[in-house]
PDB file of all heavy atoms in Angstrom:
ATOM      1  N   GLY A   1      85.731 -33.284 -97.565  1.00  0.00           N
ATOM      2  CA  GLY A   1      85.579 -31.924 -97.057  1.00  0.00           C
ATOM      3  C   GLY A   1      85.361 -30.920 -98.165  1.00  0.00           C
ATOM      4  O   GLY A   1      84.541 -29.995 -98.040  1.00  0.00           O
ATOM      5  N   ILE A   2      86.104 -31.071 -99.268  1.00  0.00           N
ATOM      6  CA  ILE A   2      85.919 -30.187-100.420  1.00  0.00           C
ATOM      7  C   ILE A   2      84.496 -30.313-100.947  1.00  0.00           C
ATOM      8  O   ILE A   2      83.832 -29.312-101.241  1.00  0.00           O
ATOM      9  CB  ILE A   2      86.952 -30.516-101.509  1.00  0.00           C
ATOM     10  CG1 ILE A   2      88.357 -30.132-101.032  1.00  0.00           C
ATOM     11  CG2 ILE A   2      86.619 -29.802-102.819  1.00  0.00           C
ATOM     12  CD1 ILE A   2      89.471 -30.644-101.912  1.00  0.00           C
ATOM     13  N   GLY A   3      84.007 -31.551-101.064  1.00  0.00           N
ATOM     14  CA  GLY A   3      82.643 -31.750-101.525  1.00  0.00           C
ATOM     15  C   GLY A   3      81.620 -31.127-100.604  1.00  0.00           C
ATOM     16  O   GLY A   3      80.647 -30.506-101.052  1.00  0.00           O
ATOM     17  N   ILE A   4      81.841 -31.239 -99.290  1.00  0.00           N
ATOM     18  CA  ILE A   4      80.878 -30.713 -98.312  1.00  0.00           C
ATOM     19  C   ILE A   4      80.780 -29.199 -98.385  1.00  0.00           C
ATOM     20  O   ILE A   4      79.684 -28.636 -98.533  1.00  0.00           O
ATOM     21  CB  ILE A   4      81.270 -31.170 -96.890  1.00  0.00           C
ATOM     22  CG1 ILE A   4      81.030 -32.676 -96.725  1.00  0.00           C
ATOM     23  CG2 ILE A   4      80.482 -30.395 -95.838  1.00  0.00           C
ATOM     24  CD1 ILE A   4      81.673 -33.275 -95.487  1.00  0.00           C
ATOM     25  N   VAL A   5      81.915 -28.497 -98.273  1.00  0.00           N
ATOM     26  CA  VAL A   5      81.835 -27.034 -98.187  1.00  0.00           C
ATOM     27  C   VAL A   5      81.474 -26.411 -99.530  1.00  0.00           C
ATOM     28  O   VAL A   5      80.733 -25.410 -99.586  1.00  0.00           O
ATOM     29  CB  VAL A   5      83.144 -26.431 -97.642  1.00  0.00           C
ATOM     30  CG1 VAL A   5      83.420 -26.966 -96.237  1.00  0.00           C
ATOM     31  CG2 VAL A   5      84.340 -26.671 -98.553  1.00  0.00           C
ATOM     32  N   THR A   6      81.958 -27.001-100.611  1.00  0.00           N
ATOM     33  CA  THR A   6      81.634 -26.459-101.931  1.00  0.00           C
ATOM     34  C   THR A   6      80.152 -26.631-102.229  1.00  0.00           C
ATOM     35  O   THR A   6      79.488 -25.700-102.724  1.00  0.00           O
ATOM     36  CB  THR A   6      82.493 -27.143-103.008  1.00  0.00           C
ATOM     37  OG1 THR A   6      83.885 -26.976-102.686  1.00  0.00           O
ATOM     38  CG2 THR A   6      82.229 -26.550-104.378  1.00  0.00           C
ATOM     39  N   SER A   7      79.616 -27.793-101.913  1.00  0.00           N
ATOM     40  CA  SER A   7      78.201 -28.043-102.184  1.00  0.00           C
ATOM     41  C   SER A   7      77.301 -27.212-101.280  1.00  0.00           C
ATOM     42  O   SER A   7      76.225 -26.773-101.708  1.00  0.00           O
ATOM     43  CB  SER A   7      77.890 -29.529-102.002  1.00  0.00           C
ATOM     44  OG  SER A   7      78.593 -30.295-102.955  1.00  0.00           O
ATOM     45  N   ALA A   8      77.710 -26.983-100.036  1.00  0.00           N
ATOM     46  CA  ALA A   8      76.921 -26.142 -99.142  1.00  0.00           C
ATOM     47  C   ALA A   8      76.775 -24.737 -99.714  1.00  0.00           C
ATOM     48  O   ALA A   8      75.669 -24.173 -99.761  1.00  0.00           O
ATOM     49  CB  ALA A   8      77.566 -26.093 -97.764  1.00  0.00           C
ATOM     50  N   ALA A   9      77.891 -24.178-100.176  1.00  0.00           N
ATOM     51  CA  ALA A   9      77.827 -22.838-100.761  1.00  0.00           C
ATOM     52  C   ALA A   9      77.053 -22.837-102.074  1.00  0.00           C
ATOM     53  O   ALA A   9      76.307 -21.900-102.384  1.00  0.00           O
ATOM     54  CB  ALA A   9      79.238 -22.308-100.980  1.00  0.00           C
ATOM     55  N   LYS A  10      77.192 -23.891-102.859  1.00  0.00           N
ATOM     56  CA  LYS A  10      76.468 -24.002-104.128  1.00  0.00           C
ATOM     57  C   LYS A  10      74.957 -24.054-103.903  1.00  0.00           C
ATOM     58  O   LYS A  10      74.179 -23.447-104.659  1.00  0.00           O
ATOM     59  CB  LYS A  10      76.946 -25.252-104.870  1.00  0.00           C
ATOM     60  CG  LYS A  10      76.156 -25.631-106.114  1.00  0.00           C
ATOM     61  CD  LYS A  10      76.273 -24.605-107.223  1.00  0.00           C
ATOM     62  CE  LYS A  10      75.633 -25.143-108.510  1.00  0.00           C
ATOM     63  NZ  LYS A  10      75.496 -24.079-109.542  1.00  0.00           N
ATOM     64  N   LEU A  11      74.506 -24.765-102.864  1.00  0.00           N
ATOM     65  CA  LEU A  11      73.076 -24.812-102.564  1.00  0.00           C
ATOM     66  C   LEU A  11      72.529 -23.426-102.263  1.00  0.00           C
ATOM     67  O   LEU A  11      71.405 -23.090-102.649  1.00  0.00           O
ATOM     68  CB  LEU A  11      72.821 -25.742-101.376  1.00  0.00           C
ATOM     69  CG  LEU A  11      72.852 -27.247-101.656  1.00  0.00           C
ATOM     70  CD1 LEU A  11      72.815 -28.016-100.349  1.00  0.00           C
ATOM     71  CD2 LEU A  11      71.694 -27.661-102.550  1.00  0.00           C
ATOM     72  N   ILE A  12      73.316 -22.621-101.575  1.00  0.00           N
ATOM     73  CA  ILE A  12      72.884 -21.250-101.286  1.00  0.00           C
ATOM     74  C   ILE A  12      72.809 -20.442-102.571  1.00  0.00           C
ATOM     75  O   ILE A  12      71.848 -19.690-102.799  1.00  0.00           O
ATOM     76  CB  ILE A  12      73.830 -20.617-100.256  1.00  0.00           C
ATOM     77  CG1 ILE A  12      73.620 -21.292 -98.895  1.00  0.00           C
ATOM     78  CG2 ILE A  12      73.600 -19.103-100.152  1.00  0.00           C
ATOM     79  CD1 ILE A  12      74.631 -20.906 -97.839  1.00  0.00           C
ATOM     80  N   MET A  13      73.800 -20.603-103.446  1.00  0.00           N
ATOM     81  CA  MET A  13      73.753 -19.910-104.745  1.00  0.00           C
ATOM     82  C   MET A  13      72.502 -20.284-105.524  1.00  0.00           C
ATOM     83  O   MET A  13      71.859 -19.438-106.151  1.00  0.00           O
ATOM     84  CB  MET A  13      74.992 -20.259-105.574  1.00  0.00           C
ATOM     85  CG  MET A  13      76.233 -19.480-105.216  1.00  0.00           C
ATOM     86  SD  MET A  13      77.532 -19.714-106.454  1.00  0.00           S
ATOM     87  CE  MET A  13      78.056 -21.380-106.113  1.00  0.00           C
ATOM     88  N   ASP A  14      72.154 -21.561-105.496  1.00  0.00           N
ATOM     89  CA  ASP A  14      71.028 -22.056-106.286  1.00  0.00           C
ATOM     90  C   ASP A  14      69.675 -21.772-105.652  1.00  0.00           C
ATOM     91  O   ASP A  14      68.633 -22.011-106.273  1.00  0.00           O
ATOM     92  CB  ASP A  14      71.170 -23.566-106.494  1.00  0.00           C
ATOM     93  CG  ASP A  14      72.331 -23.923-107.408  1.00  0.00           C
ATOM     94  OD1 ASP A  14      72.869 -23.004-108.073  1.00  0.00           O
ATOM     95  OD2 ASP A  14      72.714 -25.105-107.437  1.00  0.00           O
ATOM     96  N   SER A  15      69.677 -21.259-104.407  1.00  0.00           N
ATOM     97  CA  SER A  15      68.412 -21.021-103.706  1.00  0.00           C
ATOM     98  C   SER A  15      67.664 -19.804-104.245  1.00  0.00           C
ATOM     99  O   SER A  15      66.478 -19.629-103.959  1.00  0.00           O
ATOM    100  CB  SER A  15      68.675 -20.814-102.211  1.00  0.00           C
ATOM    101  OG  SER A  15      69.324 -19.567-101.976  1.00  0.00           O
ATOM    102  N   GLY A  16      68.363 -18.956-104.993  1.00  0.00           N
ATOM    103  CA  GLY A  16      67.747 -17.734-105.501  1.00  0.00           C
ATOM    104  C   GLY A  16      67.756 -16.596-104.510  1.00  0.00           C
ATOM    105  O   GLY A  16      67.233 -15.519-104.802  1.00  0.00           O
ATOM    106  N   GLN A  17      68.345 -16.832-103.330  1.00  0.00           N
ATOM    107  CA  GLN A  17      68.414 -15.789-102.300  1.00  0.00           C
ATOM    108  C   GLN A  17      69.875 -15.578-101.924  1.00  0.00           C
ATOM    109  O   GLN A  17      70.541 -16.506-101.488  1.00  0.00           O
ATOM    110  CB  GLN A  17      67.606 -16.194-101.072  1.00  0.00           C
ATOM    111  CG  GLN A  17      66.129 -16.433-101.403  1.00  0.00           C
ATOM    112  CD  GLN A  17      65.332 -16.698-100.160  1.00  0.00           C
ATOM    113  OE1 GLN A  17      65.020 -15.782 -99.400  1.00  0.00           O
ATOM    114  NE2 GLN A  17      64.987 -17.955 -99.958  1.00  0.00           N
ATOM    115  N   ARG A  18      70.347 -14.367-102.124  1.00  0.00           N
ATOM    116  CA  ARG A  18      71.738 -14.063-101.826  1.00  0.00           C
ATOM    117  C   ARG A  18      71.880 -13.760-100.333  1.00  0.00           C
ATOM    118  O   ARG A  18      71.088 -13.019 -99.767  1.00  0.00           O
ATOM    119  CB  ARG A  18      72.193 -12.869-102.666  1.00  0.00           C
ATOM    120  CG  ARG A  18      73.696 -12.595-102.591  1.00  0.00           C
ATOM    121  CD  ARG A  18      74.103 -11.519-103.572  1.00  0.00           C
ATOM    122  NE  ARG A  18      74.094 -12.008-104.945  1.00  0.00           N
ATOM    123  CZ  ARG A  18      75.138 -12.567-105.538  1.00  0.00           C
ATOM    124  NH1 ARG A  18      76.272 -12.729-104.864  1.00  0.00           N
ATOM    125  NH2 ARG A  18      75.054 -12.959-106.783  1.00  0.00           N
ATOM    126  N   PRO A  19      72.895 -14.331 -99.674  1.00  0.00           N
ATOM    127  CA  PRO A  19      73.075 -14.064 -98.246  1.00  0.00           C
ATOM    128  C   PRO A  19      73.484 -12.615 -97.993  1.00  0.00           C
ATOM    129  O   PRO A  19      73.990 -11.927 -98.884  1.00  0.00           O
ATOM    130  CB  PRO A  19      74.201 -15.026 -97.857  1.00  0.00           C
ATOM    131  CG  PRO A  19      74.969 -15.238 -99.123  1.00  0.00           C
ATOM    132  CD  PRO A  19      73.943 -15.206-100.221  1.00  0.00           C
ATOM    133  N   ARG A  20      73.274 -12.173 -96.782  1.00  0.00           N
ATOM    134  CA  ARG A  20      73.645 -10.804 -96.420  1.00  0.00           C
ATOM    135  C   ARG A  20      75.163 -10.623 -96.470  1.00  0.00           C
ATOM    136  O   ARG A  20      75.662  -9.645 -96.999  1.00  0.00           O
ATOM    137  CB  ARG A  20      73.111 -10.481 -95.027  1.00  0.00           C
ATOM    138  CG  ARG A  20      73.455  -9.077 -94.556  1.00  0.00           C
ATOM    139  CD  ARG A  20      72.866  -8.763 -93.191  1.00  0.00           C
ATOM    140  NE  ARG A  20      73.311  -7.443 -92.788  1.00  0.00           N
ATOM    141  CZ  ARG A  20      74.469  -7.196 -92.164  1.00  0.00           C
ATOM    142  NH1 ARG A  20      75.268  -8.214 -91.846  1.00  0.00           N
ATOM    143  NH2 ARG A  20      74.820  -5.962 -91.853  1.00  0.00           N
ATOM    144  N   ARG A  21      75.904 -11.557 -95.878  1.00  0.00           N
ATOM    145  CA  ARG A  21      77.358 -11.519 -95.857  1.00  0.00           C
ATOM    146  C   ARG A  21      77.933 -12.412 -96.952  1.00  0.00           C
ATOM    147  O   ARG A  21      77.241 -13.281 -97.493  1.00  0.00           O
ATOM    148  CB  ARG A  21      77.882 -12.000 -94.496  1.00  0.00           C
ATOM    149  CG  ARG A  21      77.582 -11.072 -93.345  1.00  0.00           C
ATOM    150  CD  ARG A  21      77.838 -11.759 -92.016  1.00  0.00           C
ATOM    151  NE  ARG A  21      77.969 -10.780 -90.930  1.00  0.00           N
ATOM    152  CZ  ARG A  21      77.751 -11.045 -89.656  1.00  0.00           C
ATOM    153  NH1 ARG A  21      77.359 -12.264 -89.272  1.00  0.00           N
ATOM    154  NH2 ARG A  21      77.906 -10.103 -88.736  1.00  0.00           N
ATOM    155  N   THR A  22      79.219 -12.248 -97.218  1.00  0.00           N
ATOM    156  CA  THR A  22      79.913 -13.092 -98.185  1.00  0.00           C
ATOM    157  C   THR A  22      80.270 -14.432 -97.554  1.00  0.00           C
ATOM    158  O   THR A  22      80.781 -14.488 -96.426  1.00  0.00           O
ATOM    159  CB  THR A  22      81.188 -12.397 -98.677  1.00  0.00           C
ATOM    160  OG1 THR A  22      80.817 -11.249 -99.455  1.00  0.00           O
ATOM    161  CG2 THR A  22      82.040 -13.321 -99.528  1.00  0.00           C
ATOM    162  N   ILE A  23      80.005 -15.483 -98.292  1.00  0.00           N
ATOM    163  CA  ILE A  23      80.470 -16.816 -97.915  1.00  0.00           C
ATOM    164  C   ILE A  23      81.691 -17.122 -98.777  1.00  0.00           C
ATOM    165  O   ILE A  23      81.602 -17.144-100.003  1.00  0.00           O
ATOM    166  CB  ILE A  23      79.374 -17.874 -98.122  1.00  0.00           C
ATOM    167  CG1 ILE A  23      78.175 -17.571 -97.215  1.00  0.00           C
ATOM    168  CG2 ILE A  23      79.920 -19.273 -97.851  1.00  0.00           C
ATOM    169  CD1 ILE A  23      76.959 -18.419 -97.515  1.00  0.00           C
ATOM    170  N   ARG A  24      82.808 -17.328 -98.131  1.00  0.00           N
ATOM    171  CA  ARG A  24      84.070 -17.585 -98.847  1.00  0.00           C
ATOM    172  C   ARG A  24      84.500 -19.025 -98.627  1.00  0.00           C
ATOM    173  O   ARG A  24      84.740 -19.448 -97.488  1.00  0.00           O
ATOM    174  CB  ARG A  24      85.164 -16.629 -98.370  1.00  0.00           C
ATOM    175  CG  ARG A  24      86.527 -16.860 -99.043  1.00  0.00           C
ATOM    176  CD  ARG A  24      87.574 -15.862 -98.572  1.00  0.00           C
ATOM    177  NE  ARG A  24      87.277 -14.520 -99.081  1.00  0.00           N
ATOM    178  CZ  ARG A  24      87.999 -13.439 -98.760  1.00  0.00           C
ATOM    179  NH1 ARG A  24      89.022 -13.556 -97.918  1.00  0.00           N
ATOM    180  NH2 ARG A  24      87.678 -12.264 -99.269  1.00  0.00           N
TER     181      ARG A  24
END
């Protein structure tokens, strides 16, 4: 679970596009 949620957020960080809302 740690790997799943951490990597999901990391992929968004690496996409070059910041989300509108905060992902915590």
